[in-house]
Amino acid sequence: MNATTTDVLICGAGPSGLTLAIDLARRGISFRLIEKRDTHFNGSRGKGLQPRSLEVFEDLGIVDRVTALGGIYPALRTYRDDGSYNDVSFIDPTPASPTEPFTLPTMVPQFLTERAMRERLAEFGHSPEYGCELLGFEQDASGVNARVLRQGSETNIRARYLVAADGGRSFVRHELQLGFPGKTLGVRAVVADVILTGLTRDVWHRFNEDDMERQISFCPLAGTNLFQIQAPVPLEGHIDVSLDGLMEMTSTRTGRHDIHIESVSWASAFSMGARLADHYRVGHVFLVGDAAHIHPPTGGQGLNTSVQDAYNLSWKLASVLAGAPETLLDSYEEERRPIAAGMLGLSSALLEQHKRGEMRRGREVRQLDLAYPESPLSLERPARSMGLLAGDRAPDALLRGAAGPAHRLFSLFKGPHWTLLGYQVDRDLVPTRPGLRVHTIGPHDELVDEAGHFAAAYTPSPGDWVLVRPDGYIGAIVSSHEIDALESYFERVGLGLRSRAHG
């Protein structure tokens, strides 16, 4: 039997698997990305990209590419029984700011998002391996032996780590015998991508909003000529999602005969649930995305949480493979599982609002306020009681370079490195080291906070150092008097000079 070796085997080429692959590829980590399906997913199951995910995509080099494929969310048009209607925006408009360059969700059908991600992966010389099924795996002290089936032939892949990005019915999670507790939410729905005539594309059309037996909506999918049909259906029994079945449902529920479905490109009937895996890590195996948590689609949290799972895990895998302590990987579950638990609660609450005909969405869905305050990777010396805290998202800010041109902090963060910002500090306090970029901010330093954006967002005191992780969260805030604590932190995450010298 043929056998190959790699650092990371990723099972599943959806949004979380692709995110992980892109970040590993740009870090030079060897991996295999396998997908059981014979081709890529061609539906719009997830269509909303939240602002925090757009920040992730900016770092990965695809935010403009992805955004250009989609568009803004249209107003919601709710029809009354007499044929009259009311148009409302269900997204609170929020202007961009120096600290938050992306403030509104962008509509991009999932198949277009994944296409842009595959293109980015190809730029690094990689692509998913379709029609490649994971048959089984065994762990030992140093890694995983996986058996895969491709084109009728079975082969072995030896990997240091296996990452399950294989969806809500995860084969890997089942093989690990991990509990997946939660509940069904008493809602079953049809979602379908169709081409139709009879409705305008400038609004999201919704009929019978307060009747779960007759409700149906038609959302024009930005960047395409498609509409997404969404409709609750009975919990039991066969649901006809063929063209004829969807046409009958449309005419019956809308009472209109001028809406004609011409073709169906993808359709699914699914029961909504909220479940969370007992653990995200078992030895050398990790769960990301729907393999770790499933949820109702309300609020557009699922795809985004999945992308951010992978973004959190990827740099930690790369760091450990480069010599960081293995314990760094424990922080993945410690940080991401509480985020998923909160997301499940939010999505379930939004589903209840949806049942009542309420669809307005505010800041709570944008994921800009997610943080890791209890993480073992969050350090403050001395402790802070207000302002920006360790574990918070690192805000953007506009600064002026000493040579004159302006710089965004996000541009300085972009890439696989850590970033250390010193505010009115002695630069020589922190030795140069691989994997860390140091920038000083002050009236006579390389960066000048001319407009006060940095001071307003970061609330620093003179002599403070702010360490920003590769995933854009604050790892540590220490004063120059506590600089030894920063050196100890570096050792724990693989940036220590001593650990590198002896590695």
Foldseek 3Di string as FASTA:
>chain_A
DAEAEFAEEEEALFLLLLLLLLQCLQLVGTYAAEYQAQDDDDFQLFFKDFQLVLLSCVLSPCNVVQLVLFAAAFWAWEADPVGDTDTDRQEDDDDADQFRNGHGITTGGRVSVSVSSQVSSVVSVDHHHYNKAWPDWDDDQQFIWTWIAHPRDIYIYTYSAYEYPPAQVTPVCVRVVWDWDWWFQQWKKKKFKFQKDDDDQRHWYWYPQQDLDQIKIWHCRGNDNITIIMHTHHPDDDQDPALVRVLVSVCVSVVDDRIHTDHTDDMDMGTFIWIATPFQDDNRYGYAASNGIGADCALSQRSNLRSVLSLVQNLLSSLVVVQADPCSNVLSRVQSRVVSVVVRVVRSVRVVCSNRSRRRDYSVSNPQFRFRQPGPLFEEAVADDDADGAGHFRTWHWWAFPVGHIDIVSVVLRDSAKEKEAEQADVVLDDDFPRYHYAYEDPPGRIYRVVCRCCVRHVDDHQWMWIAHSSRGTRYIHGNVPVVVVLVSCNNRNGHPVSVVVD
